[in-house]
Amino acid sequence: MMPIGPMEIGIIVLIIILLFGATKVPQLARSFGQSMGEFKKAKKEAELNYKKFEDSIAADEKVTEKVTEKVKEKVASVVMGEDASKDVNIKEVASYMGIDTEGKTEEELKEEVQAKLKSKSD
């Protein structure tokens, strides 16, 4: 396929003038320019939204990592039998691990957490 040269462009312009008339060509050009401007503006806005979305995902991943580390520390202290009742909420740990906490005592939850950790390590 050959590139469009000056002769082809001249023919296209002549056909446009014949189709729309000389008075409509400036309006068409103006409309085309406005459309291009709106398209560029929408493209820039979409790129900014995409960037914000990527940043929010990265921030969520960092928060998830921090929460996971805290829970692992708390679970480790519970497993080791340390008296961590003042800074460890066993219900939070159990619910994070996917254990149903309703109607169970802290001792039952502690046993379930320990059993789940042992089954994961096996």
PDB file of N, CA and C in Angstrom:
ATOM      1  N   MET A   1       0.845  -1.162   0.000  1.00  0.00           N
ATOM      2  CA  MET A   1       0.000   0.000   0.000  1.00  0.00           C
ATOM      3  C   MET A   1       0.900   1.238   0.000  1.00  0.00           C
ATOM      4  N   MET A   2       0.621   2.153  -0.856  1.00  0.00           N
ATOM      5  CA  MET A   2       1.458   3.344  -1.016  1.00  0.00           C
ATOM      6  C   MET A   2       0.952   4.464  -0.111  1.00  0.00           C
ATOM      7  N   PRO A   3       1.858   5.302   0.380  1.00  0.00           N
ATOM      8  CA  PRO A   3       1.431   6.424   1.218  1.00  0.00           C
ATOM      9  C   PRO A   3       0.649   7.453   0.397  1.00  0.00           C
ATOM     10  N   ILE A   4      -0.155   8.232   1.099  1.00  0.00           N
ATOM     11  CA  ILE A   4      -0.956   9.272   0.434  1.00  0.00           C
ATOM     12  C   ILE A   4      -0.039  10.457   0.140  1.00  0.00           C
ATOM     13  N   GLY A   5      -0.001  10.854  -1.089  1.00  0.00           N
ATOM     14  CA  GLY A   5       0.843  11.972  -1.509  1.00  0.00           C
ATOM     15  C   GLY A   5       0.021  13.241  -1.658  1.00  0.00           C
ATOM     16  N   PRO A   6       0.666  14.332  -2.087  1.00  0.00           N
ATOM     17  CA  PRO A   6      -0.028  15.614  -2.221  1.00  0.00           C
ATOM     18  C   PRO A   6      -1.133  15.575  -3.285  1.00  0.00           C
ATOM     19  N   MET A   7      -0.937  14.808  -4.326  1.00  0.00           N
ATOM     20  CA  MET A   7      -1.959  14.707  -5.379  1.00  0.00           C
ATOM     21  C   MET A   7      -3.231  14.059  -4.847  1.00  0.00           C
ATOM     22  N   GLU A   8      -3.089  12.984  -4.057  1.00  0.00           N
ATOM     23  CA  GLU A   8      -4.245  12.307  -3.488  1.00  0.00           C
ATOM     24  C   GLU A   8      -4.971  13.199  -2.494  1.00  0.00           C
ATOM     25  N   ILE A   9      -4.212  13.917  -1.678  1.00  0.00           N
ATOM     26  CA  ILE A   9      -4.825  14.838  -0.713  1.00  0.00           C
ATOM     27  C   ILE A   9      -5.611  15.913  -1.445  1.00  0.00           C
ATOM     28  N   GLY A  10      -5.060  16.452  -2.525  1.00  0.00           N
ATOM     29  CA  GLY A  10      -5.759  17.462  -3.324  1.00  0.00           C
ATOM     30  C   GLY A  10      -7.062  16.933  -3.895  1.00  0.00           C
ATOM     31  N   ILE A  11      -7.047  15.705  -4.354  1.00  0.00           N
ATOM     32  CA  ILE A  11      -8.257  15.095  -4.905  1.00  0.00           C
ATOM     33  C   ILE A  11      -9.303  14.911  -3.803  1.00  0.00           C
ATOM     34  N   ILE A  12      -8.874  14.473  -2.629  1.00  0.00           N
ATOM     35  CA  ILE A  12      -9.802  14.286  -1.506  1.00  0.00           C
ATOM     36  C   ILE A  12     -10.427  15.623  -1.122  1.00  0.00           C
ATOM     37  N   VAL A  13      -9.621  16.692  -1.034  1.00  0.00           N
ATOM     38  CA  VAL A  13     -10.134  18.022  -0.686  1.00  0.00           C
ATOM     39  C   VAL A  13     -11.127  18.493  -1.743  1.00  0.00           C
ATOM     40  N   LEU A  14     -10.817  18.283  -3.010  1.00  0.00           N
ATOM     41  CA  LEU A  14     -11.717  18.679  -4.097  1.00  0.00           C
ATOM     42  C   LEU A  14     -13.053  17.944  -3.998  1.00  0.00           C
ATOM     43  N   ILE A  15     -13.015  16.654  -3.708  1.00  0.00           N
ATOM     44  CA  ILE A  15     -14.251  15.873  -3.574  1.00  0.00           C
ATOM     45  C   ILE A  15     -15.075  16.388  -2.388  1.00  0.00           C
ATOM     46  N   ILE A  16     -14.399  16.715  -1.272  1.00  0.00           N
ATOM     47  CA  ILE A  16     -15.108  17.240  -0.105  1.00  0.00           C
ATOM     48  C   ILE A  16     -15.774  18.565  -0.434  1.00  0.00           C
ATOM     49  N   ILE A  17     -15.068  19.436  -1.129  1.00  0.00           N
ATOM     50  CA  ILE A  17     -15.648  20.741  -1.519  1.00  0.00           C
ATOM     51  C   ILE A  17     -16.852  20.530  -2.436  1.00  0.00           C
ATOM     52  N   LEU A  18     -16.751  19.598  -3.363  1.00  0.00           N
ATOM     53  CA  LEU A  18     -17.873  19.329  -4.263  1.00  0.00           C
ATOM     54  C   LEU A  18     -19.065  18.738  -3.517  1.00  0.00           C
ATOM     55  N   LEU A  19     -18.814  17.867  -2.559  1.00  0.00           N
ATOM     56  CA  LEU A  19     -19.904  17.228  -1.816  1.00  0.00           C
ATOM     57  C   LEU A  19     -20.607  18.189  -0.858  1.00  0.00           C
ATOM     58  N   PHE A  20     -19.831  18.959  -0.118  1.00  0.00           N
ATOM     59  CA  PHE A  20     -20.408  19.780   0.942  1.00  0.00           C
ATOM     60  C   PHE A  20     -20.513  21.257   0.593  1.00  0.00           C
ATOM     61  N   GLY A  21     -19.825  21.711  -0.400  1.00  0.00           N
ATOM     62  CA  GLY A  21     -19.842  23.125  -0.754  1.00  0.00           C
ATOM     63  C   GLY A  21     -18.755  23.871   0.000  1.00  0.00           C
ATOM     64  N   ALA A  22     -18.322  24.962  -0.577  1.00  0.00           N
ATOM     65  CA  ALA A  22     -17.207  25.731  -0.007  1.00  0.00           C
ATOM     66  C   ALA A  22     -17.564  26.355   1.331  1.00  0.00           C
ATOM     67  N   THR A  23     -18.842  26.651   1.576  1.00  0.00           N
ATOM     68  CA  THR A  23     -19.227  27.297   2.835  1.00  0.00           C
ATOM     69  C   THR A  23     -19.248  26.317   4.002  1.00  0.00           C
ATOM     70  N   LYS A  24     -19.449  25.037   3.728  1.00  0.00           N
ATOM     71  CA  LYS A  24     -19.529  24.038   4.799  1.00  0.00           C
ATOM     72  C   LYS A  24     -18.158  23.480   5.198  1.00  0.00           C
ATOM     73  N   VAL A  25     -17.167  23.603   4.362  1.00  0.00           N
ATOM     74  CA  VAL A  25     -15.845  23.033   4.649  1.00  0.00           C
ATOM     75  C   VAL A  25     -15.237  23.620   5.925  1.00  0.00           C
ATOM     76  N   PRO A  26     -15.267  24.947   6.148  1.00  0.00           N
ATOM     77  CA  PRO A  26     -14.712  25.472   7.406  1.00  0.00           C
ATOM     78  C   PRO A  26     -15.449  24.938   8.640  1.00  0.00           C
ATOM     79  N   GLN A  27     -16.779  24.781   8.536  1.00  0.00           N
ATOM     80  CA  GLN A  27     -17.540  24.236   9.654  1.00  0.00           C
ATOM     81  C   GLN A  27     -17.149  22.771   9.916  1.00  0.00           C
ATOM     82  N   LEU A  28     -16.965  22.017   8.843  1.00  0.00           N
ATOM     83  CA  LEU A  28     -16.537  20.622   8.989  1.00  0.00           C
ATOM     84  C   LEU A  28     -15.155  20.532   9.637  1.00  0.00           C
ATOM     85  N   ALA A  29     -14.256  21.405   9.205  1.00  0.00           N
ATOM     86  CA  ALA A  29     -12.901  21.412   9.767  1.00  0.00           C
ATOM     87  C   ALA A  29     -12.940  21.784  11.246  1.00  0.00           C
ATOM     88  N   ARG A  30     -13.758  22.775  11.585  1.00  0.00           N
ATOM     89  CA  ARG A  30     -13.895  23.207  12.976  1.00  0.00           C
ATOM     90  C   ARG A  30     -14.462  22.062  13.823  1.00  0.00           C
ATOM     91  N   SER A  31     -15.499  21.401  13.318  1.00  0.00           N
ATOM     92  CA  SER A  31     -16.109  20.280  14.036  1.00  0.00           C
ATOM     93  C   SER A  31     -15.103  19.146  14.213  1.00  0.00           C
ATOM     94  N   PHE A  32     -14.337  18.881  13.170  1.00  0.00           N
ATOM     95  CA  PHE A  32     -13.319  17.833  13.255  1.00  0.00           C
ATOM     96  C   PHE A  32     -12.279  18.188  14.323  1.00  0.00           C
ATOM     97  N   GLY A  33     -11.855  19.445  14.347  1.00  0.00           N
ATOM     98  CA  GLY A  33     -10.871  19.889  15.352  1.00  0.00           C
ATOM     99  C   GLY A  33     -11.417  19.771  16.765  1.00  0.00           C
ATOM    100  N   GLN A  34     -12.672  20.160  16.967  1.00  0.00           N
ATOM    101  CA  GLN A  34     -13.282  20.040  18.290  1.00  0.00           C
ATOM    102  C   GLN A  34     -13.397  18.579  18.708  1.00  0.00           C
ATOM    103  N   SER A  35     -13.766  17.735  17.763  1.00  0.00           N
ATOM    104  CA  SER A  35     -13.874  16.302  18.061  1.00  0.00           C
ATOM    105  C   SER A  35     -12.523  15.726  18.470  1.00  0.00           C
ATOM    106  N   MET A  36     -11.488  16.120  17.758  1.00  0.00           N
ATOM    107  CA  MET A  36     -10.138  15.638  18.107  1.00  0.00           C
ATOM    108  C   MET A  36      -9.744  16.118  19.501  1.00  0.00           C
ATOM    109  N   GLY A  37     -10.069  17.381  19.828  1.00  0.00           N
ATOM    110  CA  GLY A  37      -9.760  17.914  21.157  1.00  0.00           C
ATOM    111  C   GLY A  37     -10.484  17.157  22.254  1.00  0.00           C
ATOM    112  N   GLU A  38     -11.762  16.869  22.039  1.00  0.00           N
ATOM    113  CA  GLU A  38     -12.530  16.111  23.026  1.00  0.00           C
ATOM    114  C   GLU A  38     -11.994  14.690  23.172  1.00  0.00           C
ATOM    115  N   PHE A  39     -11.610  14.110  22.053  1.00  0.00           N
ATOM    116  CA  PHE A  39     -11.047  12.756  22.097  1.00  0.00           C
ATOM    117  C   PHE A  39      -9.756  12.734  22.918  1.00  0.00           C
ATOM    118  N   LYS A  40      -8.878  13.710  22.685  1.00  0.00           N
ATOM    119  CA  LYS A  40      -7.613  13.767  23.432  1.00  0.00           C
ATOM    120  C   LYS A  40      -7.872  13.993  24.916  1.00  0.00           C
ATOM    121  N   LYS A  41      -8.863  14.851  25.227  1.00  0.00           N
ATOM    122  CA  LYS A  41      -9.193  15.129  26.621  1.00  0.00           C
ATOM    123  C   LYS A  41      -9.729  13.865  27.305  1.00  0.00           C
ATOM    124  N   ALA A  42     -10.604  13.130  26.615  1.00  0.00           N
ATOM    125  CA  ALA A  42     -11.152  11.896  27.169  1.00  0.00           C
ATOM    126  C   ALA A  42     -10.051  10.844  27.344  1.00  0.00           C
ATOM    127  N   LYS A  43      -9.128  10.794  26.398  1.00  0.00           N
ATOM    128  CA  LYS A  43      -8.022   9.837  26.489  1.00  0.00           C
ATOM    129  C   LYS A  43      -7.154  10.145  27.714  1.00  0.00           C
ATOM    130  N   LYS A  44      -6.862  11.421  27.918  1.00  0.00           N
ATOM    131  CA  LYS A  44      -6.036  11.826  29.057  1.00  0.00           C
ATOM    132  C   LYS A  44      -6.749  11.499  30.373  1.00  0.00           C
ATOM    133  N   GLU A  45      -8.052  11.756  30.418  1.00  0.00           N
ATOM    134  CA  GLU A  45      -8.833  11.465  31.615  1.00  0.00           C
ATOM    135  C   GLU A  45      -8.857   9.963  31.902  1.00  0.00           C
ATOM    136  N   ALA A  46      -9.005   9.164  30.862  1.00  0.00           N
ATOM    137  CA  ALA A  46      -9.004   7.705  31.029  1.00  0.00           C
ATOM    138  C   ALA A  46      -7.646   7.227  31.542  1.00  0.00           C
ATOM    139  N   GLU A  47      -6.566   7.801  31.033  1.00  0.00           N
ATOM    140  CA  GLU A  47      -5.234   7.423  31.495  1.00  0.00           C
ATOM    141  C   GLU A  47      -5.041   7.778  32.964  1.00  0.00           C
ATOM    142  N   LEU A  48      -5.554   8.958  33.384  1.00  0.00           N
ATOM    143  CA  LEU A  48      -5.448   9.353  34.791  1.00  0.00           C
ATOM    144  C   LEU A  48      -6.254   8.406  35.685  1.00  0.00           C
ATOM    145  N   ASN A  49      -7.461   8.045  35.249  1.00  0.00           N
ATOM    146  CA  ASN A  49      -8.278   7.110  36.028  1.00  0.00           C
ATOM    147  C   ASN A  49      -7.601   5.755  36.148  1.00  0.00           C
ATOM    148  N   TYR A  50      -6.987   5.305  35.077  1.00  0.00           N
ATOM    149  CA  TYR A  50      -6.267   4.032  35.097  1.00  0.00           C
ATOM    150  C   TYR A  50      -5.098   4.097  36.078  1.00  0.00           C
ATOM    151  N   LYS A  51      -4.371   5.194  36.069  1.00  0.00           N
ATOM    152  CA  LYS A  51      -3.231   5.376  36.980  1.00  0.00           C
ATOM    153  C   LYS A  51      -3.715   5.370  38.437  1.00  0.00           C
ATOM    154  N   LYS A  52      -4.828   6.080  38.707  1.00  0.00           N
ATOM    155  CA  LYS A  52      -5.372   6.093  40.065  1.00  0.00           C
ATOM    156  C   LYS A  52      -5.791   4.693  40.492  1.00  0.00           C
ATOM    157  N   PHE A  53      -6.382   3.946  39.560  1.00  0.00           N
ATOM    158  CA  PHE A  53      -6.805   2.582  39.853  1.00  0.00           C
ATOM    159  C   PHE A  53      -5.601   1.711  40.189  1.00  0.00           C
ATOM    160  N   GLU A  54      -4.539   1.821  39.407  1.00  0.00           N
ATOM    161  CA  GLU A  54      -3.315   1.054  39.684  1.00  0.00           C
ATOM    162  C   GLU A  54      -2.744   1.415  41.050  1.00  0.00           C
ATOM    163  N   ASP A  55      -2.725   2.722  41.366  1.00  0.00           N
ATOM    164  CA  ASP A  55      -2.201   3.166  42.659  1.00  0.00           C
ATOM    165  C   ASP A  55      -3.036   2.625  43.811  1.00  0.00           C
ATOM    166  N   SER A  56      -4.371   2.605  43.649  1.00  0.00           N
ATOM    167  CA  SER A  56      -5.232   2.107  44.721  1.00  0.00           C
ATOM    168  C   SER A  56      -5.025   0.617  44.929  1.00  0.00           C
ATOM    169  N   ILE A  57      -4.799  -0.124  43.848  1.00  0.00           N
ATOM    170  CA  ILE A  57      -4.545  -1.562  43.979  1.00  0.00           C
ATOM    171  C   ILE A  57      -3.232  -1.794  44.708  1.00  0.00           C
ATOM    172  N   ALA A  58      -2.210  -1.025  44.360  1.00  0.00           N
ATOM    173  CA  ALA A  58      -0.918  -1.165  45.027  1.00  0.00           C
ATOM    174  C   ALA A  58      -1.036  -0.842  46.514  1.00  0.00           C
ATOM    175  N   ALA A  59      -1.813   0.188  46.850  1.00  0.00           N
ATOM    176  CA  ALA A  59      -2.000   0.559  48.251  1.00  0.00           C
ATOM    177  C   ALA A  59      -2.753  -0.538  48.998  1.00  0.00           C
ATOM    178  N   ASP A  60      -3.785  -1.114  48.366  1.00  0.00           N
ATOM    179  CA  ASP A  60      -4.542  -2.204  48.991  1.00  0.00           C
ATOM    180  C   ASP A  60      -3.652  -3.406  49.251  1.00  0.00           C
ATOM    181  N   GLU A  61      -2.747  -3.706  48.320  1.00  0.00           N
ATOM    182  CA  GLU A  61      -1.838  -4.835  48.502  1.00  0.00           C
ATOM    183  C   GLU A  61      -0.910  -4.592  49.684  1.00  0.00           C
ATOM    184  N   LYS A  62      -0.440  -3.352  49.840  1.00  0.00           N
ATOM    185  CA  LYS A  62       0.444  -3.037  50.965  1.00  0.00           C
ATOM    186  C   LYS A  62      -0.299  -3.196  52.288  1.00  0.00           C
ATOM    187  N   VAL A  63      -1.544  -2.718  52.339  1.00  0.00           N
ATOM    188  CA  VAL A  63      -2.345  -2.843  53.555  1.00  0.00           C
ATOM    189  C   VAL A  63      -2.584  -4.310  53.867  1.00  0.00           C
ATOM    190  N   THR A  64      -2.902  -5.103  52.854  1.00  0.00           N
ATOM    191  CA  THR A  64      -3.140  -6.533  53.050  1.00  0.00           C
ATOM    192  C   THR A  64      -1.884  -7.215  53.587  1.00  0.00           C
ATOM    193  N   GLU A  65      -0.728  -6.855  53.045  1.00  0.00           N
ATOM    194  CA  GLU A  65       0.526  -7.439  53.534  1.00  0.00           C
ATOM    195  C   GLU A  65       0.752  -7.090  55.001  1.00  0.00           C
ATOM    196  N   LYS A  66       0.508  -5.838  55.376  1.00  0.00           N
ATOM    197  CA  LYS A  66       0.697  -5.425  56.772  1.00  0.00           C
ATOM    198  C   LYS A  66      -0.246  -6.172  57.700  1.00  0.00           C
ATOM    199  N   VAL A  67      -1.513  -6.291  57.294  1.00  0.00           N
ATOM    200  CA  VAL A  67      -2.493  -6.999  58.110  1.00  0.00           C
ATOM    201  C   VAL A  67      -2.100  -8.462  58.240  1.00  0.00           C
ATOM    202  N   THR A  68      -1.670  -9.071  57.147  1.00  0.00           N
ATOM    203  CA  THR A  68      -1.258 -10.473  57.173  1.00  0.00           C
ATOM    204  C   THR A  68      -0.088 -10.670  58.135  1.00  0.00           C
ATOM    205  N   GLU A  69       0.877  -9.770  58.089  1.00  0.00           N
ATOM    206  CA  GLU A  69       2.024  -9.877  58.999  1.00  0.00           C
ATOM    207  C   GLU A  69       1.587  -9.761  60.458  1.00  0.00           C
ATOM    208  N   LYS A  70       0.689  -8.818  60.752  1.00  0.00           N
ATOM    209  CA  LYS A  70       0.215  -8.648  62.125  1.00  0.00           C
ATOM    210  C   LYS A  70      -0.497  -9.905  62.604  1.00  0.00           C
ATOM    211  N   VAL A  71      -1.357 -10.447  61.737  1.00  0.00           N
ATOM    212  CA  VAL A  71      -2.102 -11.643  62.111  1.00  0.00           C
ATOM    213  C   VAL A  71      -1.145 -12.810  62.322  1.00  0.00           C
ATOM    214  N   LYS A  72      -0.143 -12.944  61.451  1.00  0.00           N
ATOM    215  CA  LYS A  72       0.825 -14.033  61.619  1.00  0.00           C
ATOM    216  C   LYS A  72       1.558 -13.909  62.954  1.00  0.00           C
ATOM    217  N   GLU A  73       1.925 -12.678  63.307  1.00  0.00           N
ATOM    218  CA  GLU A  73       2.603 -12.467  64.591  1.00  0.00           C
ATOM    219  C   GLU A  73       1.696 -12.850  65.751  1.00  0.00           C
ATOM    220  N   LYS A  74       0.431 -12.436  65.655  1.00  0.00           N
ATOM    221  CA  LYS A  74      -0.509 -12.749  66.732  1.00  0.00           C
ATOM    222  C   LYS A  74      -0.775 -14.246  66.809  1.00  0.00           C
ATOM    223  N   VAL A  75      -0.936 -14.881  65.656  1.00  0.00           N
ATOM    224  CA  VAL A  75      -1.172 -16.318  65.631  1.00  0.00           C
ATOM    225  C   VAL A  75       0.035 -17.045  66.213  1.00  0.00           C
ATOM    226  N   ALA A  76       1.227 -16.613  65.858  1.00  0.00           N
ATOM    227  CA  ALA A  76       2.442 -17.244  66.381  1.00  0.00           C
ATOM    228  C   ALA A  76       2.504 -17.122  67.897  1.00  0.00           C
ATOM    229  N   SER A  77       2.130 -15.956  68.420  1.00  0.00           N
ATOM    230  CA  SER A  77       2.165 -15.789  69.872  1.00  0.00           C
ATOM    231  C   SER A  77       1.121 -16.664  70.552  1.00  0.00           C
ATOM    232  N   VAL A  78      -0.027 -16.864  69.895  1.00  0.00           N
ATOM    233  CA  VAL A  78      -1.051 -17.744  70.462  1.00  0.00           C
ATOM    234  C   VAL A  78      -0.581 -19.186  70.430  1.00  0.00           C
ATOM    235  N   VAL A  79       0.013 -19.596  69.313  1.00  0.00           N
ATOM    236  CA  VAL A  79       0.488 -20.977  69.172  1.00  0.00           C
ATOM    237  C   VAL A  79       1.593 -21.279  70.174  1.00  0.00           C
ATOM    238  N   MET A  80       2.466 -20.306  70.391  1.00  0.00           N
ATOM    239  CA  MET A  80       3.580 -20.504  71.319  1.00  0.00           C
ATOM    240  C   MET A  80       3.096 -20.542  72.765  1.00  0.00           C
ATOM    241  N   GLY A  81       1.817 -20.209  72.992  1.00  0.00           N
ATOM    242  CA  GLY A  81       1.271 -20.248  74.341  1.00  0.00           C
ATOM    243  C   GLY A  81       1.589 -19.011  75.142  1.00  0.00           C
ATOM    244  N   GLU A  82       2.092 -17.991  74.487  1.00  0.00           N
ATOM    245  CA  GLU A  82       2.404 -16.753  75.194  1.00  0.00           C
ATOM    246  C   GLU A  82       1.113 -16.123  75.671  1.00  0.00           C
ATOM    247  N   ASP A  83       1.197 -15.413  76.772  1.00  0.00           N
ATOM    248  CA  ASP A  83       0.012 -14.710  77.263  1.00  0.00           C
ATOM    249  C   ASP A  83      -0.111 -13.421  76.477  1.00  0.00           C
ATOM    250  N   ALA A  84      -0.790 -13.516  75.373  1.00  0.00           N
ATOM    251  CA  ALA A  84      -0.936 -12.366  74.493  1.00  0.00           C
ATOM    252  C   ALA A  84      -2.381 -11.898  74.457  1.00  0.00           C
ATOM    253  N   SER A  85      -3.141 -12.259  75.492  1.00  0.00           N
ATOM    254  CA  SER A  85      -4.566 -11.934  75.480  1.00  0.00           C
ATOM    255  C   SER A  85      -4.816 -10.434  75.470  1.00  0.00           C
ATOM    256  N   LYS A  86      -3.883  -9.664  76.018  1.00  0.00           N
ATOM    257  CA  LYS A  86      -4.117  -8.217  76.045  1.00  0.00           C
ATOM    258  C   LYS A  86      -3.941  -7.570  74.683  1.00  0.00           C
ATOM    259  N   ASP A  87      -3.098  -8.144  73.786  1.00  0.00           N
ATOM    260  CA  ASP A  87      -2.945  -7.527  72.474  1.00  0.00           C
ATOM    261  C   ASP A  87      -3.338  -8.455  71.327  1.00  0.00           C
ATOM    262  N   VAL A  88      -3.880  -9.648  71.654  1.00  0.00           N
ATOM    263  CA  VAL A  88      -4.338 -10.548  70.606  1.00  0.00           C
ATOM    264  C   VAL A  88      -5.832 -10.787  70.796  1.00  0.00           C
ATOM    265  N   ASN A  89      -6.584 -10.499  69.766  1.00  0.00           N
ATOM    266  CA  ASN A  89      -8.002 -10.802  69.782  1.00  0.00           C
ATOM    267  C   ASN A  89      -8.171 -12.084  68.984  1.00  0.00           C
ATOM    268  N   ILE A  90      -8.374 -13.186  69.689  1.00  0.00           N
ATOM    269  CA  ILE A  90      -8.414 -14.504  69.046  1.00  0.00           C
ATOM    270  C   ILE A  90      -9.566 -14.598  68.056  1.00  0.00           C
ATOM    271  N   LYS A  91     -10.637 -13.858  68.308  1.00  0.00           N
ATOM    272  CA  LYS A  91     -11.772 -13.880  67.377  1.00  0.00           C
ATOM    273  C   LYS A  91     -11.378 -13.258  66.035  1.00  0.00           C
ATOM    274  N   GLU A  92     -10.594 -12.176  66.083  1.00  0.00           N
ATOM    275  CA  GLU A  92     -10.119 -11.550  64.842  1.00  0.00           C
ATOM    276  C   GLU A  92      -9.227 -12.506  64.066  1.00  0.00           C
ATOM    277  N   VAL A  93      -8.339 -13.169  64.781  1.00  0.00           N
ATOM    278  CA  VAL A  93      -7.413 -14.107  64.141  1.00  0.00           C
ATOM    279  C   VAL A  93      -8.191 -15.255  63.503  1.00  0.00           C
ATOM    280  N   ALA A  94      -9.141 -15.793  64.247  1.00  0.00           N
ATOM    281  CA  ALA A  94      -9.921 -16.931  63.738  1.00  0.00           C
ATOM    282  C   ALA A  94     -10.761 -16.530  62.529  1.00  0.00           C
ATOM    283  N   SER A  95     -11.389 -15.370  62.603  1.00  0.00           N
ATOM    284  CA  SER A  95     -12.215 -14.948  61.457  1.00  0.00           C
ATOM    285  C   SER A  95     -11.340 -14.666  60.243  1.00  0.00           C
ATOM    286  N   TYR A  96     -10.148 -14.142  60.457  1.00  0.00           N
ATOM    287  CA  TYR A  96      -9.224 -13.904  59.351  1.00  0.00           C
ATOM    288  C   TYR A  96      -8.824 -15.226  58.690  1.00  0.00           C
ATOM    289  N   MET A  97      -8.717 -16.273  59.500  1.00  0.00           N
ATOM    290  CA  MET A  97      -8.318 -17.567  58.969  1.00  0.00           C
ATOM    291  C   MET A  97      -9.503 -18.336  58.389  1.00  0.00           C
ATOM    292  N   GLY A  98     -10.706 -17.756  58.455  1.00  0.00           N
ATOM    293  CA  GLY A  98     -11.878 -18.390  57.862  1.00  0.00           C
ATOM    294  C   GLY A  98     -12.597 -19.335  58.806  1.00  0.00           C
ATOM    295  N   ILE A  99     -12.388 -19.172  60.090  1.00  0.00           N
ATOM    296  CA  ILE A  99     -13.031 -20.020  61.086  1.00  0.00           C
ATOM    297  C   ILE A  99     -14.275 -19.301  61.595  1.00  0.00           C
ATOM    298  N   ASP A 100     -15.378 -20.046  61.719  1.00  0.00           N
ATOM    299  CA  ASP A 100     -16.621 -19.470  62.237  1.00  0.00           C
ATOM    300  C   ASP A 100     -16.453 -19.223  63.728  1.00  0.00           C
ATOM    301  N   THR A 101     -16.679 -17.993  64.181  1.00  0.00           N
ATOM    302  CA  THR A 101     -16.428 -17.633  65.578  1.00  0.00           C
ATOM    303  C   THR A 101     -17.691 -17.553  66.427  1.00  0.00           C
ATOM    304  N   GLU A 102     -18.842 -17.674  65.808  1.00  0.00           N
ATOM    305  CA  GLU A 102     -20.087 -17.485  66.548  1.00  0.00           C
ATOM    306  C   GLU A 102     -20.323 -18.600  67.561  1.00  0.00           C
ATOM    307  N   GLY A 103     -20.598 -18.200  68.791  1.00  0.00           N
ATOM    308  CA  GLY A 103     -20.958 -19.148  69.841  1.00  0.00           C
ATOM    309  C   GLY A 103     -19.812 -19.989  70.363  1.00  0.00           C
ATOM    310  N   LYS A 104     -18.582 -19.626  70.093  1.00  0.00           N
ATOM    311  CA  LYS A 104     -17.436 -20.409  70.550  1.00  0.00           C
ATOM    312  C   LYS A 104     -16.651 -19.615  71.581  1.00  0.00           C
ATOM    313  N   THR A 105     -16.083 -20.341  72.527  1.00  0.00           N
ATOM    314  CA  THR A 105     -15.257 -19.679  73.532  1.00  0.00           C
ATOM    315  C   THR A 105     -13.884 -19.396  72.941  1.00  0.00           C
ATOM    316  N   GLU A 106     -13.125 -18.574  73.645  1.00  0.00           N
ATOM    317  CA  GLU A 106     -11.777 -18.246  73.171  1.00  0.00           C
ATOM    318  C   GLU A 106     -10.886 -19.482  73.155  1.00  0.00           C
ATOM    319  N   GLU A 107     -11.095 -20.391  74.114  1.00  0.00           N
ATOM    320  CA  GLU A 107     -10.285 -21.609  74.164  1.00  0.00           C
ATOM    321  C   GLU A 107     -10.582 -22.507  72.960  1.00  0.00           C
ATOM    322  N   GLU A 108     -11.859 -22.618  72.585  1.00  0.00           N
ATOM    323  CA  GLU A 108     -12.231 -23.411  71.414  1.00  0.00           C
ATOM    324  C   GLU A 108     -11.638 -22.805  70.139  1.00  0.00           C
ATOM    325  N   LEU A 109     -11.707 -21.480  70.047  1.00  0.00           N
ATOM    326  CA  LEU A 109     -11.141 -20.792  68.883  1.00  0.00           C
ATOM    327  C   LEU A 109      -9.640 -21.000  68.818  1.00  0.00           C
ATOM    328  N   LYS A 110      -8.971 -20.936  69.978  1.00  0.00           N
ATOM    329  CA  LYS A 110      -7.524 -21.128  70.022  1.00  0.00           C
ATOM    330  C   LYS A 110      -7.155 -22.525  69.516  1.00  0.00           C
ATOM    331  N   GLU A 111      -7.927 -23.523  69.920  1.00  0.00           N
ATOM    332  CA  GLU A 111      -7.665 -24.893  69.482  1.00  0.00           C
ATOM    333  C   GLU A 111      -7.873 -25.040  67.970  1.00  0.00           C
ATOM    334  N   GLU A 112      -8.937 -24.415  67.463  1.00  0.00           N
ATOM    335  CA  GLU A 112      -9.201 -24.486  66.020  1.00  0.00           C
ATOM    336  C   GLU A 112      -8.106 -23.793  65.212  1.00  0.00           C
ATOM    337  N   VAL A 113      -7.629 -22.655  65.716  1.00  0.00           N
ATOM    338  CA  VAL A 113      -6.550 -21.930  65.037  1.00  0.00           C
ATOM    339  C   VAL A 113      -5.291 -22.793  65.009  1.00  0.00           C
ATOM    340  N   GLN A 114      -4.974 -23.393  66.155  1.00  0.00           N
ATOM    341  CA  GLN A 114      -3.784 -24.245  66.225  1.00  0.00           C
ATOM    342  C   GLN A 114      -3.920 -25.455  65.295  1.00  0.00           C
ATOM    343  N   ALA A 115      -5.112 -26.056  65.245  1.00  0.00           N
ATOM    344  CA  ALA A 115      -5.325 -27.209  64.379  1.00  0.00           C
ATOM    345  C   ALA A 115      -5.188 -26.804  62.904  1.00  0.00           C
ATOM    346  N   LYS A 116      -5.734 -25.656  62.557  1.00  0.00           N
ATOM    347  CA  LYS A 116      -5.644 -25.209  61.171  1.00  0.00           C
ATOM    348  C   LYS A 116      -4.193 -24.920  60.784  1.00  0.00           C
ATOM    349  N   LEU A 117      -3.444 -24.320  61.704  1.00  0.00           N
ATOM    350  CA  LEU A 117      -2.027 -24.043  61.433  1.00  0.00           C
ATOM    351  C   LEU A 117      -1.239 -25.345  61.282  1.00  0.00           C
ATOM    352  N   LYS A 118      -1.546 -26.337  62.110  1.00  0.00           N
ATOM    353  CA  LYS A 118      -0.854 -27.619  62.000  1.00  0.00           C
ATOM    354  C   LYS A 118      -1.182 -28.310  60.687  1.00  0.00           C
ATOM    355  N   SER A 119      -2.445 -28.229  60.249  1.00  0.00           N
ATOM    356  CA  SER A 119      -2.820 -28.870  58.991  1.00  0.00           C
ATOM    357  C   SER A 119      -2.178 -28.175  57.797  1.00  0.00           C
ATOM    358  N   LYS A 120      -1.948 -26.877  57.897  1.00  0.00           N
ATOM    359  CA  LYS A 120      -1.271 -26.157  56.805  1.00  0.00           C
ATOM    360  C   LYS A 120       0.214 -26.507  56.758  1.00  0.00           C
ATOM    361  N   SER A 121       0.816 -26.738  57.907  1.00  0.00           N
ATOM    362  CA  SER A 121       2.246 -27.024  57.928  1.00  0.00           C
ATOM    363  C   SER A 121       2.544 -28.455  57.531  1.00  0.00           C
ATOM    364  N   ASP A 122       1.550 -29.349  57.588  1.00  0.00           N
ATOM    365  CA  ASP A 122       1.758 -30.757  57.207  1.00  0.00           C
ATOM    366  C   ASP A 122       1.770 -30.930  55.741  1.00  0.00           C
TER     367      ASP A 122
END
